[in-house]
Amino acid sequence: MATSRVKQPYFGLKGKWLTFWITFACATDMTLFGYDQGVFSGVVISKDYLDVHNLNGPENTSILSIITSIYTIGCFFGAITAFYIGEAIGRKKTVLVGTVIMTIGAILQTSSFSVPHMIVARIVTGIGNGINTATAPVWQTETSKVHNRGKLVMLEMGLNIFGFSLSNWVNYGMSFVGGSVGWRFPLSLQMVFCIILFSTIPWLPESPRWLLAHGREDEASKILADLEDKPMDDPYVVAERDEIIYGIEYERDNAINWGDLLRGRAKAGTKTIRRLALGAGTQAMQQFGGINIMSYYLPTVLIESVKLDSSMARLIAACASVAYLFASLAAAPLVEKCGRRIMMMVSTLIQLLCFLLVTILLYLAEKPGYLHQIQAAEASIVWFIIYYMGFGLGMLGIPWLYPTEINSLPMRTKGAAVATMTNWITNFVVVEITPIGIQKLGWRFYIIWVVTNALFLPVIWLFYPETANRTLEDLDAFYRDNPPLVLHKDRDSTSVRRPERFVQMQGRDIEQAAENLRRRSIMEHDAAEKSISD
C-alpha cells in the first residue's frame, strides 16, 4: 500500500497539503531572494573583502556601488529571460532554470578574488534571481484558492524577510570571525536554499491555468481537482475549468502583439496596457519608496549618517530586520481583510512620515553648533526601524502579488516579468545612487524619498482597483466591462468584499455545470440501456 501511494502524483497529496508544498517551494525561493538582498550589506563593510578586492578608501565608493547594484541588472535580464521562457516551458521548469543559474552564481561569489570575478558572479546570481522572482509568485497565484491567494503570497514575502533577517544575523555573527571566512561563508549559504528547491519543485504540479492555455486540458483538470480535493467531474471543478478556458479564448481574440503595445496601440476589450502599467507601477513605487537604501546599505547608512561603529551598525541592522520580519508576517492575515489598496496607502503613509522625521533629525545632527547632534542622529535610528515595519505591512508583498492578479491569464507571465523588470531597473537606480548620495548630499539625500512617497499616495487612491476576494477570472470580467480610469468613486473597483455580480455569475456557472453533468449522465444511461436491449 505504501508503494502504491508513492506512485501517485505528488506522493498522493491533495487539497491543503498540496497547496502547502507549493507554498513551501515558492516561499523557499522568496527566502533565498531575501537572503540575497541582505547578505551583501555585511560583505561590503568586511575588511578582508575590501582588502582582497582592493576597494579600501572613499575613492572606491563608485566601484563598490557598481558591484552591489550590478546584481540588480542581472535580475533585470533574468526577468526578461522569464518573459521569453515562462510561457514556453511552464512555471515549474522556469523556476528550476533560475535555481541552476543562482547556484552557479553563489559558487562564483563565494570563490571571488577580484573585482571582475565578483561583478560576473553578481550578474549571474541576479539573472537566476530575476527569473525566479518573476515566476514563483505567478505559480503560487495560479494554484491558490481565491480566499487565501493574497495571504499565501504575503506569507512568502514574510519569509523573504526571514531570509533577509537571517543574512543580517549571519553577517553580525561572522563579523567576530573576520578574515576570508567572515564574508565567504555567508555568501555560500545561498546554496542551501537551492538544494531545498531542487528537492521539492520537480514533483509538484504545474499551473493548471498554464496547462489549459497550452491545450493540455486533461492534465489541467486533474490538477484543478487535486488542488480542490474533489473529483474531476465535480461541478465546481468543471465550472472553474470552463471559466479559465473562456478567459483564455476571450483574451486571445482581443490580444495585441508586443509591437503594438510598445507603440501604445491597443484594442478595446482587455485593457492590456492599463493592466500592465498598474502591475509594473506597484514595483516602481516599491523601489522609489526607498526600501533598498536600507536593504542593501543600512549598516553603511548607520556608519556614515548616524556615525556608529561597524559592530553596532551590524547589530542594529540585525535587530531592525527582526522588527521588519514581524511586520511582514502580520501583513499576511490582513491582506484579504483590509484589501490591497488600503494596505498600500497605509504603508506608503508610514514611509512618508519616517523619511520626513529622518530628514529633520539628520539635518539637526549635521547642523553646525547644534548642541544635541549625537542625540538627534541616534533618534533617527528609531524611524529607520519604523520605516521597515511600515514597509513590511504593505509595500513589501503587494507589489509582488498585484501584477499576478491584475494581468489576464495569457498576459500573466509577461505582466509579472514586466513588473519584475521594472522592480530591478528602479532597484538598480536606488542602489547605485545611495552611497554617492549619502556621501555628497548628507541629510538632503532623504528629501528625495519624502517627495516620492508623497506622490504615490494619490496615485494609489485614484487609479488602483481592489483585487482582494476576487477570482482571477473576476478581474478579467471586470476589465471586459470597461471600468473607469479614475476609479476611487466606483464601488465595485474599491470594495474589499467580492462584488455581488461576480458571486452570482459563479453560482450560475456551477449550476450550469451541474445541469450539463446531469444531462450527460442521463444520456449515457439511456445509451447503455439501448445497447443492452439491442
Protein backbone atom coordinates (compact mmCIF):
# COMPACT_ATOMS: atom_id res chain seq x y z
CA MET A 1 0.00 0.00 0.00
CA ALA A 2 2.87 2.37 0.78
CA THR A 3 4.35 1.59 -2.65
CA SER A 4 1.11 2.45 -4.47
CA ARG A 5 0.90 5.70 -2.52
CA VAL A 6 4.40 6.77 -3.60
CA LYS A 7 3.48 6.04 -7.26
CA GLN A 8 0.61 8.51 -7.09
CA PRO A 9 1.28 12.05 -8.35
CA TYR A 10 2.65 14.38 -5.67
CA PHE A 11 3.03 11.40 -3.27
CA GLY A 12 -0.76 11.26 -3.00
CA LEU A 13 -1.07 14.79 -1.61
CA LYS A 14 -4.24 16.75 -2.40
CA GLY A 15 -6.10 19.87 -1.29
CA LYS A 16 -4.49 21.86 1.50
CA TRP A 17 -1.40 19.66 1.76
CA LEU A 18 -0.65 20.01 -1.94
CA THR A 19 -1.08 23.79 -1.67
CA PHE A 20 1.20 23.73 1.39
CA TRP A 21 4.08 22.14 -0.54
CA ILE A 22 3.71 24.51 -3.49
CA THR A 23 3.77 27.38 -0.98
CA PHE A 24 6.82 25.84 0.72
CA ALA A 25 8.73 25.74 -2.58
CA CYS A 26 7.72 29.30 -3.55
CA ALA A 27 8.48 30.53 -0.02
CA THR A 28 11.94 28.93 -0.13
CA ASP A 29 12.58 30.77 -3.36
CA MET A 30 11.49 34.06 -1.79
CA THR A 31 13.56 33.35 1.34
CA LEU A 32 16.60 32.95 -0.92
CA PHE A 33 15.69 36.25 -2.58
CA GLY A 34 15.57 37.96 0.84
CA TYR A 35 18.84 36.39 1.93
CA ASP A 36 20.48 37.61 -1.29
CA GLN A 37 19.24 41.15 -0.68
CA GLY A 38 20.67 41.34 2.83
CA VAL A 39 23.88 39.33 2.67
CA PHE A 40 25.90 41.86 0.67
CA SER A 41 25.27 44.67 3.18
CA GLY A 42 27.69 42.87 5.52
CA VAL A 43 30.12 41.89 2.78
CA VAL A 44 30.74 45.48 1.59
CA ILE A 45 31.94 46.58 5.04
CA SER A 46 34.10 43.47 5.68
CA LYS A 47 37.79 44.42 5.94
CA ASP A 48 39.07 41.22 4.32
CA TYR A 49 36.67 41.59 1.38
CA LEU A 50 37.81 45.19 0.83
CA ASP A 51 41.47 44.16 1.12
CA VAL A 52 41.18 41.16 -1.23
CA HIS A 53 39.37 43.22 -3.87
CA ASN A 54 41.47 46.37 -3.29
CA LEU A 55 38.39 48.50 -2.52
CA ASN A 56 39.50 50.45 0.55
CA GLY A 57 39.09 54.24 0.69
CA PRO A 58 36.40 56.77 -0.31
CA GLU A 59 37.79 56.95 -3.85
CA ASN A 60 36.39 53.42 -4.40
CA THR A 61 32.80 54.27 -3.37
CA SER A 62 31.63 54.28 -7.01
CA ILE A 63 33.14 50.84 -7.69
CA LEU A 64 31.54 49.45 -4.53
CA SER A 65 28.20 50.86 -5.71
CA ILE A 66 28.61 49.23 -9.12
CA ILE A 67 29.48 45.81 -7.63
CA THR A 68 26.46 45.96 -5.34
CA SER A 69 24.00 47.35 -7.88
CA ILE A 70 25.13 45.24 -10.87
CA TYR A 71 23.26 42.35 -9.22
CA THR A 72 20.01 44.17 -9.98
CA ILE A 73 20.97 44.49 -13.65
CA GLY A 74 21.38 40.71 -13.67
CA CYS A 75 17.93 40.44 -12.08
CA PHE A 76 16.55 42.73 -14.80
CA PHE A 77 17.88 40.48 -17.56
CA GLY A 78 16.65 37.45 -15.62
CA ALA A 79 13.14 38.91 -15.67
CA ILE A 80 13.46 39.42 -19.44
CA THR A 81 14.51 35.77 -19.73
CA ALA A 82 11.45 34.72 -17.72
CA PHE A 83 9.37 36.83 -20.08
CA TYR A 84 10.51 34.67 -23.01
CA ILE A 85 10.69 31.20 -21.46
CA GLY A 86 7.95 31.39 -18.81
CA GLU A 87 5.08 30.77 -21.24
CA ALA A 88 7.08 28.32 -23.34
CA ILE A 89 8.25 25.80 -20.72
CA GLY A 90 5.88 26.42 -17.80
CA ARG A 91 6.19 27.81 -14.28
CA LYS A 92 7.97 24.83 -12.66
CA LYS A 93 10.71 24.41 -15.24
CA THR A 94 11.34 28.15 -15.33
CA VAL A 95 11.97 28.25 -11.57
CA LEU A 96 14.30 25.25 -11.87
CA VAL A 97 16.29 27.02 -14.62
CA GLY A 98 16.58 30.09 -12.38
CA THR A 99 17.74 27.95 -9.45
CA VAL A 100 20.50 26.30 -11.52
CA ILE A 101 21.78 29.74 -12.53
CA MET A 102 21.63 31.00 -8.93
CA THR A 103 23.64 28.00 -7.76
CA ILE A 104 26.38 28.82 -10.27
CA GLY A 105 26.30 32.47 -9.16
CA ALA A 106 26.59 31.55 -5.48
CA ILE A 107 29.67 29.40 -6.20
CA LEU A 108 31.25 32.22 -8.19
CA GLN A 109 30.60 34.81 -5.44
CA THR A 110 31.98 32.56 -2.73
CA SER A 111 35.19 31.94 -4.68
CA SER A 112 35.78 35.57 -5.78
CA PHE A 113 39.31 37.04 -5.65
CA SER A 114 38.97 40.09 -7.93
CA VAL A 115 36.55 42.84 -8.87
CA PRO A 116 35.80 41.42 -12.38
CA HIS A 117 35.24 37.98 -10.82
CA MET A 118 32.73 39.40 -8.31
CA ILE A 119 30.95 41.50 -10.94
CA VAL A 120 30.41 38.41 -13.13
CA ALA A 121 29.27 36.43 -10.07
CA ARG A 122 26.78 39.14 -9.07
CA ILE A 123 25.35 39.33 -12.59
CA VAL A 124 24.93 35.53 -12.84
CA THR A 125 23.24 35.34 -9.43
CA GLY A 126 21.00 38.22 -10.41
CA ILE A 127 19.91 36.54 -13.64
CA GLY A 128 18.80 33.46 -11.70
CA ASN A 129 17.01 35.52 -9.08
CA GLY A 130 15.29 37.64 -11.74
CA ILE A 131 13.93 34.50 -13.43
CA ASN A 132 12.65 33.09 -10.13
CA THR A 133 11.10 36.26 -8.73
CA ALA A 134 9.22 36.82 -11.99
CA THR A 135 7.84 33.28 -11.97
CA ALA A 136 7.31 31.93 -8.42
CA PRO A 137 4.53 34.43 -7.46
CA VAL A 138 2.68 33.58 -10.70
CA TRP A 139 2.92 29.85 -9.97
CA GLN A 140 1.65 30.42 -6.42
CA THR A 141 -1.22 32.66 -7.55
CA GLU A 142 -2.39 30.27 -10.26
CA THR A 143 -2.52 27.29 -7.89
CA SER A 144 -4.18 29.06 -4.93
CA LYS A 145 -7.82 29.41 -3.92
CA VAL A 146 -9.35 32.85 -4.05
CA HIS A 147 -9.75 33.22 -0.27
CA ASN A 148 -6.09 32.57 0.54
CA ARG A 149 -4.25 33.66 -2.62
CA GLY A 150 -3.16 37.00 -1.19
CA LYS A 151 -2.43 35.52 2.21
CA LEU A 152 -0.05 32.91 0.78
CA VAL A 153 1.88 35.37 -1.40
CA MET A 154 2.17 37.80 1.53
CA LEU A 155 3.35 34.92 3.75
CA GLU A 156 6.03 34.17 1.17
CA MET A 157 7.16 37.79 1.30
CA GLY A 158 7.24 37.48 5.10
CA LEU A 159 9.61 34.57 4.63
CA ASN A 160 11.54 36.73 2.19
CA ILE A 161 12.20 38.98 5.18
CA PHE A 162 13.10 35.92 7.26
CA GLY A 163 15.86 35.33 4.70
CA PHE A 164 16.82 39.00 4.89
CA SER A 165 16.88 38.89 8.71
CA LEU A 166 18.87 35.64 8.67
CA SER A 167 21.51 37.23 6.43
CA ASN A 168 21.83 40.19 8.82
CA TRP A 169 22.35 37.94 11.84
CA VAL A 170 24.80 35.73 9.93
CA ASN A 171 26.70 38.88 8.92
CA TYR A 172 26.76 40.09 12.52
CA GLY A 173 27.95 36.73 13.84
CA MET A 174 30.61 36.32 11.17
CA SER A 175 31.95 39.83 11.84
CA PHE A 176 33.54 38.34 15.00
CA VAL A 177 35.23 35.63 12.92
CA GLY A 178 36.78 38.02 10.43
CA GLY A 179 39.13 37.02 7.66
CA SER A 180 38.05 35.38 4.41
CA VAL A 181 35.54 33.08 6.13
CA GLY A 182 33.75 36.13 7.55
CA TRP A 183 32.32 37.08 4.13
CA ARG A 184 32.69 33.87 2.06
CA PHE A 185 30.65 31.70 4.43
CA PRO A 186 27.54 33.98 4.35
CA LEU A 187 27.68 34.00 0.53
CA SER A 188 28.00 30.19 0.38
CA LEU A 189 24.79 29.69 2.42
CA GLN A 190 22.75 30.64 -0.67
CA MET A 191 23.34 27.09 -1.92
CA VAL A 192 21.36 25.58 0.99
CA PHE A 193 18.17 27.18 -0.35
CA CYS A 194 18.98 25.98 -3.87
CA ILE A 195 19.25 22.39 -2.61
CA ILE A 196 15.79 22.66 -0.99
CA LEU A 197 14.31 23.94 -4.27
CA PHE A 198 15.88 21.09 -6.25
CA SER A 199 14.36 18.65 -3.73
CA THR A 200 10.77 19.93 -3.94
CA ILE A 201 9.90 21.57 -7.26
CA PRO A 202 10.31 18.54 -9.60
CA TRP A 203 7.49 16.52 -8.02
CA LEU A 204 4.98 19.38 -7.59
CA PRO A 205 2.15 20.15 -10.08
CA GLU A 206 2.37 22.64 -12.93
CA SER A 207 -0.03 25.59 -13.00
CA PRO A 208 -3.39 24.28 -14.32
CA ARG A 209 -4.03 27.66 -15.94
CA TRP A 210 -0.78 27.42 -17.90
CA LEU A 211 -1.68 23.85 -18.96
CA LEU A 212 -5.12 24.95 -20.20
CA ALA A 213 -3.52 27.82 -22.12
CA HIS A 214 -1.37 25.20 -23.89
CA GLY A 215 -4.17 22.75 -24.73
CA ARG A 216 -3.38 20.17 -22.02
CA GLU A 217 -6.94 20.02 -20.72
CA ASP A 218 -6.95 16.54 -19.14
CA GLU A 219 -3.78 17.21 -17.14
CA ALA A 220 -5.09 20.62 -16.06
CA SER A 221 -8.45 19.20 -14.98
CA LYS A 222 -6.71 16.57 -12.85
CA ILE A 223 -4.56 19.20 -11.13
CA LEU A 224 -7.56 21.50 -10.53
CA ALA A 225 -9.39 18.56 -8.95
CA ASP A 226 -6.37 17.64 -6.80
CA LEU A 227 -5.92 21.23 -5.61
CA GLU A 228 -9.59 21.34 -4.60
CA ASP A 229 -9.53 17.72 -3.34
CA LYS A 230 -12.62 16.97 -5.43
CA PRO A 231 -13.42 14.53 -8.30
CA MET A 232 -12.62 15.73 -11.82
CA ASP A 233 -16.32 15.77 -12.72
CA ASP A 234 -17.35 17.82 -9.67
CA PRO A 235 -19.46 20.82 -10.83
CA TYR A 236 -17.16 23.28 -9.07
CA VAL A 237 -14.06 21.88 -10.84
CA VAL A 238 -15.83 21.79 -14.21
CA ALA A 239 -17.11 25.37 -13.80
CA GLU A 240 -13.65 26.62 -12.78
CA ARG A 241 -12.02 24.91 -15.78
CA ASP A 242 -14.63 26.29 -18.21
CA GLU A 243 -14.27 29.80 -16.76
CA ILE A 244 -10.49 29.68 -17.22
CA ILE A 245 -10.87 28.43 -20.80
CA TYR A 246 -13.36 31.20 -21.58
CA GLY A 247 -10.95 33.81 -20.23
CA ILE A 248 -8.10 32.38 -22.32
CA GLU A 249 -10.16 32.38 -25.52
CA TYR A 250 -11.51 35.90 -24.92
CA GLU A 251 -8.04 37.31 -24.29
CA ARG A 252 -6.62 35.62 -27.39
CA ASP A 253 -9.43 37.03 -29.51
CA ASN A 254 -8.71 40.52 -28.19
CA ALA A 255 -4.96 40.27 -27.58
CA ILE A 256 -2.43 42.65 -29.09
CA ASN A 257 1.16 41.93 -30.01
CA TRP A 258 4.16 43.48 -28.30
CA GLY A 259 4.91 45.72 -31.25
CA ASP A 260 1.51 47.37 -30.86
CA LEU A 261 1.96 47.51 -27.09
CA LEU A 262 5.23 49.40 -27.43
CA ARG A 263 3.54 51.83 -29.83
CA GLY A 264 0.67 52.34 -27.37
CA ARG A 265 -1.87 50.73 -29.71
CA ALA A 266 -4.49 48.54 -28.08
CA LYS A 267 -7.86 47.07 -28.98
CA ALA A 268 -10.86 47.80 -26.82
CA GLY A 269 -11.85 44.93 -24.57
CA THR A 270 -8.94 43.73 -22.46
CA LYS A 271 -7.25 46.97 -21.22
CA THR A 272 -3.90 45.21 -21.60
CA ILE A 273 -1.71 48.32 -21.42
CA ARG A 274 -3.55 49.72 -18.39
CA ARG A 275 -3.21 46.42 -16.54
CA LEU A 276 0.48 46.11 -17.40
CA ALA A 277 1.08 49.69 -16.20
CA LEU A 278 -0.76 49.10 -12.91
CA GLY A 279 1.23 45.95 -12.17
CA ALA A 280 4.58 47.48 -13.08
CA GLY A 281 3.65 50.66 -11.21
CA THR A 282 3.43 48.82 -7.89
CA GLN A 283 7.03 47.69 -8.29
CA ALA A 284 8.24 51.17 -9.27
CA MET A 285 6.51 52.61 -6.19
CA GLN A 286 8.07 49.92 -4.00
CA GLN A 287 11.59 50.80 -5.11
CA PHE A 288 11.22 54.58 -5.25
CA GLY A 289 9.67 54.41 -1.79
CA GLY A 290 13.28 53.97 -0.60
CA ILE A 291 13.37 50.43 0.78
CA ASN A 292 16.70 49.42 -0.74
CA ILE A 293 18.52 52.27 0.92
CA MET A 294 18.01 50.09 3.99
CA SER A 295 18.06 46.59 2.48
CA TYR A 296 21.45 46.97 0.84
CA TYR A 297 23.05 49.73 2.89
CA LEU A 298 21.56 50.10 6.39
CA PRO A 299 24.91 49.36 8.11
CA THR A 300 26.53 51.87 5.74
CA VAL A 301 23.78 54.43 6.44
CA LEU A 302 24.26 53.99 10.19
CA ILE A 303 28.04 54.34 9.88
CA GLU A 304 28.01 57.34 7.51
CA SER A 305 24.88 59.25 8.57
CA VAL A 306 24.47 58.28 12.25
CA LYS A 307 28.23 57.86 12.93
CA LEU A 308 28.03 54.42 14.58
CA ASP A 309 30.92 51.94 14.62
CA SER A 310 30.78 48.88 12.34
CA SER A 311 29.84 46.34 15.03
CA MET A 312 26.98 48.42 16.43
CA ALA A 313 25.73 49.21 12.91
CA ARG A 314 25.56 45.47 12.11
CA LEU A 315 23.78 44.72 15.38
CA ILE A 316 21.15 47.43 14.88
CA ALA A 317 20.62 46.30 11.26
CA ALA A 318 20.06 42.73 12.51
CA CYS A 319 17.62 43.89 15.23
CA ALA A 320 15.77 46.09 12.72
CA SER A 321 15.38 43.09 10.43
CA VAL A 322 13.53 41.21 13.22
CA ALA A 323 11.02 44.07 13.56
CA TYR A 324 10.74 44.03 9.76
CA LEU A 325 10.05 40.27 9.86
CA PHE A 326 7.25 40.53 12.43
CA ALA A 327 5.55 43.35 10.49
CA SER A 328 5.73 41.39 7.23
CA LEU A 329 4.23 38.28 8.86
CA ALA A 330 1.45 40.39 10.39
CA ALA A 331 0.54 41.54 6.87
CA ALA A 332 -0.41 38.01 5.70
CA PRO A 333 -3.74 37.70 7.61
CA LEU A 334 -4.60 41.36 6.94
CA VAL A 335 -4.24 41.42 3.17
CA GLU A 336 -7.65 39.82 2.44
CA LYS A 337 -9.44 41.65 5.28
CA CYS A 338 -8.12 45.15 4.58
CA GLY A 339 -7.50 44.79 0.85
CA ARG A 340 -4.59 45.74 -1.36
CA ARG A 341 -5.47 49.44 -1.77
CA ILE A 342 -5.75 50.30 1.93
CA MET A 343 -2.59 48.39 2.87
CA MET A 344 -0.55 50.06 0.12
CA MET A 345 -1.77 53.51 1.19
CA VAL A 346 -1.16 52.94 4.92
CA SER A 347 2.29 51.50 4.20
CA THR A 348 3.22 54.45 1.96
CA LEU A 349 1.97 56.99 4.54
CA ILE A 350 4.19 55.42 7.24
CA GLN A 351 7.16 55.52 4.86
CA LEU A 352 6.49 59.20 4.14
CA LEU A 353 6.35 60.14 7.82
CA CYS A 354 9.50 58.15 8.65
CA PHE A 355 11.60 59.74 5.92
CA LEU A 356 10.31 63.18 6.90
CA LEU A 357 11.43 62.67 10.50
CA VAL A 358 14.75 61.08 9.46
CA THR A 359 15.43 64.12 7.26
CA ILE A 360 14.71 66.55 10.10
CA LEU A 361 16.78 64.63 12.66
CA LEU A 362 19.79 64.20 10.38
CA TYR A 363 19.60 67.88 9.43
CA LEU A 364 19.90 68.69 13.15
CA ALA A 365 22.71 66.13 13.55
CA GLU A 366 24.71 67.87 10.81
CA LYS A 367 23.80 71.45 11.80
CA PRO A 368 26.96 73.31 12.94
CA GLY A 369 26.78 74.41 16.55
CA TYR A 370 23.66 72.39 17.42
CA LEU A 371 24.08 71.13 20.99
CA HIS A 372 22.32 67.78 20.60
CA GLN A 373 23.82 66.48 17.36
CA ILE A 374 24.57 62.99 18.71
CA GLN A 375 21.12 62.60 20.28
CA ALA A 376 19.40 63.73 17.06
CA ALA A 377 21.41 61.24 14.99
CA GLU A 378 20.63 58.39 17.39
CA ALA A 379 16.93 59.31 17.44
CA SER A 380 16.79 58.77 13.66
CA ILE A 381 17.53 55.06 14.21
CA VAL A 382 14.02 54.58 15.61
CA TRP A 383 12.47 55.92 12.40
CA PHE A 384 14.62 53.71 10.19
CA ILE A 385 13.23 50.73 12.12
CA ILE A 386 9.63 52.00 12.00
CA TYR A 387 10.09 52.54 8.26
CA TYR A 388 10.95 48.84 7.91
CA MET A 389 7.78 47.92 9.81
CA GLY A 390 5.59 50.22 7.72
CA PHE A 391 7.05 48.88 4.51
CA GLY A 392 6.57 45.29 5.69
CA LEU A 393 2.86 45.89 6.31
CA GLY A 394 2.04 46.58 2.68
CA MET A 395 4.57 47.70 0.10
CA LEU A 396 6.77 44.66 0.69
CA GLY A 397 4.42 41.95 -0.57
CA ILE A 398 1.60 43.57 -2.52
CA PRO A 399 3.81 44.70 -5.45
CA TRP A 400 4.73 41.04 -5.98
CA LEU A 401 1.12 39.89 -5.64
CA TYR A 402 -0.70 42.61 -7.58
CA PRO A 403 0.85 42.06 -11.06
CA THR A 404 -0.04 38.35 -10.92
CA GLU A 405 -3.67 39.25 -10.18
CA ILE A 406 -4.30 42.31 -12.34
CA ASN A 407 -2.98 40.85 -15.62
CA SER A 408 -5.05 38.43 -17.68
CA LEU A 409 -4.03 34.78 -17.98
CA PRO A 410 -2.27 34.94 -21.39
CA MET A 411 -0.50 38.13 -20.21
CA ARG A 412 0.19 36.97 -16.64
CA THR A 413 3.73 35.68 -17.16
CA LYS A 414 4.56 38.64 -19.40
CA GLY A 415 2.91 41.07 -16.97
CA ALA A 416 4.76 39.63 -13.98
CA ALA A 417 8.00 39.75 -15.97
CA VAL A 418 7.44 43.41 -16.95
CA ALA A 419 6.68 44.24 -13.30
CA THR A 420 9.78 42.39 -12.13
CA MET A 421 11.90 44.11 -14.79
CA THR A 422 10.54 47.43 -13.51
CA ASN A 423 11.47 46.40 -9.97
CA TRP A 424 15.04 45.60 -10.88
CA ILE A 425 15.78 48.59 -13.10
CA THR A 426 14.41 51.01 -10.47
CA ASN A 427 16.19 48.97 -7.80
CA PHE A 428 19.43 49.49 -9.72
CA VAL A 429 18.89 53.26 -9.73
CA VAL A 430 18.34 53.38 -5.96
CA VAL A 431 21.20 51.03 -5.09
CA GLU A 432 23.60 52.82 -7.45
CA ILE A 433 22.91 56.36 -6.19
CA THR A 434 22.60 55.67 -2.44
CA PRO A 435 26.30 55.54 -1.35
CA ILE A 436 27.12 58.53 -3.57
CA GLY A 437 24.01 60.42 -2.41
CA ILE A 438 24.83 59.91 1.26
CA GLN A 439 28.44 60.92 0.69
CA LYS A 440 27.67 64.04 -1.39
CA LEU A 441 24.28 65.27 -0.06
CA GLY A 442 24.18 64.16 3.56
CA TRP A 443 20.74 64.78 5.13
CA ARG A 444 19.40 66.33 1.89
CA PHE A 445 19.52 62.89 0.24
CA TYR A 446 16.50 61.77 2.29
CA ILE A 447 14.28 64.61 0.98
CA ILE A 448 14.04 62.70 -2.31
CA TRP A 449 12.18 59.85 -0.60
CA VAL A 450 9.84 62.18 1.28
CA VAL A 451 8.72 63.59 -2.07
CA THR A 452 8.34 60.24 -3.86
CA ASN A 453 6.21 58.73 -1.10
CA ALA A 454 4.02 61.86 -1.01
CA LEU A 455 3.40 61.49 -4.76
CA PHE A 456 2.46 57.82 -4.56
CA LEU A 457 -0.46 58.21 -2.12
CA PRO A 458 -2.89 59.91 -4.55
CA VAL A 459 -1.79 57.61 -7.39
CA ILE A 460 -2.85 54.52 -5.41
CA TRP A 461 -6.12 56.11 -4.28
CA LEU A 462 -7.18 57.31 -7.74
CA PHE A 463 -6.05 54.57 -10.13
CA TYR A 464 -5.64 51.19 -8.40
CA PRO A 465 -8.64 48.81 -8.29
CA GLU A 466 -9.06 46.39 -5.42
CA THR A 467 -8.17 42.76 -6.22
CA ALA A 468 -8.82 41.12 -2.82
CA ASN A 469 -11.52 38.44 -2.66
CA ARG A 470 -11.85 38.25 -6.45
CA THR A 471 -11.04 35.22 -8.59
CA LEU A 472 -8.56 35.84 -11.38
CA GLU A 473 -11.48 35.38 -13.78
CA ASP A 474 -13.49 38.05 -11.89
CA LEU A 475 -10.75 40.54 -12.75
CA ASP A 476 -10.88 39.57 -16.43
CA ALA A 477 -14.66 40.12 -16.38
CA PHE A 478 -14.16 43.46 -14.59
CA TYR A 479 -11.94 44.77 -17.40
CA ARG A 480 -14.22 43.43 -20.13
CA ASP A 481 -16.87 45.81 -18.71
CA ASN A 482 -14.68 48.86 -19.46
CA PRO A 483 -14.18 50.27 -15.92
CA PRO A 484 -13.25 53.97 -15.45
CA LEU A 485 -9.58 55.00 -15.38
CA VAL A 486 -10.07 57.16 -12.27
CA LEU A 487 -11.98 54.74 -10.08
CA HIS A 488 -11.95 55.94 -6.47
CA LYS A 489 -15.72 56.55 -6.63
CA ASP A 490 -16.59 53.23 -8.27
CA ARG A 491 -17.87 50.82 -5.62
CA ASP A 492 -17.02 47.60 -7.47
CA SER A 493 -13.47 48.89 -8.04
CA THR A 494 -12.71 49.78 -4.42
CA SER A 495 -14.77 47.38 -2.27
CA VAL A 496 -12.79 44.76 -0.34
CA ARG A 497 -15.77 42.42 -0.46
CA ARG A 498 -16.31 40.44 -3.64
CA PRO A 499 -18.88 42.28 -5.81
CA GLU A 500 -22.26 40.55 -5.82
CA ARG A 501 -22.39 40.29 -9.61
CA PHE A 502 -19.30 38.05 -9.58
CA VAL A 503 -20.79 35.85 -6.85
CA GLN A 504 -23.98 35.43 -8.87
CA MET A 505 -22.02 34.76 -12.08
CA GLN A 506 -20.02 31.97 -10.44
CA GLY A 507 -23.20 30.48 -8.94
CA ARG A 508 -24.80 30.34 -12.38
CA ASP A 509 -21.68 28.71 -13.84
CA ILE A 510 -21.69 25.99 -11.16
CA GLU A 511 -25.44 25.37 -11.66
CA GLN A 512 -24.92 25.15 -15.42
CA ALA A 513 -22.02 22.72 -14.99
CA ALA A 514 -24.13 20.55 -12.65
CA GLU A 515 -27.02 20.57 -15.15
CA ASN A 516 -24.69 19.61 -18.01
CA LEU A 517 -23.29 16.74 -15.94
CA ARG A 518 -26.83 15.57 -15.10
CA ARG A 519 -27.85 15.60 -18.76
CA ARG A 520 -24.69 13.78 -19.79
CA SER A 521 -25.32 11.13 -17.12
CA ILE A 522 -28.91 10.63 -18.38
CA MET A 523 -27.72 10.35 -21.99
CA GLU A 524 -25.03 7.82 -21.02
CA HIS A 525 -27.60 5.83 -19.02
CA ASP A 526 -30.08 5.82 -21.92
CA ALA A 527 -27.35 4.78 -24.36
CA ALA A 528 -26.33 1.92 -22.06
CA GLU A 529 -29.94 0.67 -21.74
CA LYS A 530 -30.40 0.84 -25.51
CA SER A 531 -27.19 -1.16 -26.02
CA ILE A 532 -28.43 -3.84 -23.60
CA SER A 533 -31.87 -4.08 -25.27
CA ASP A 534 -30.21 -4.40 -28.70
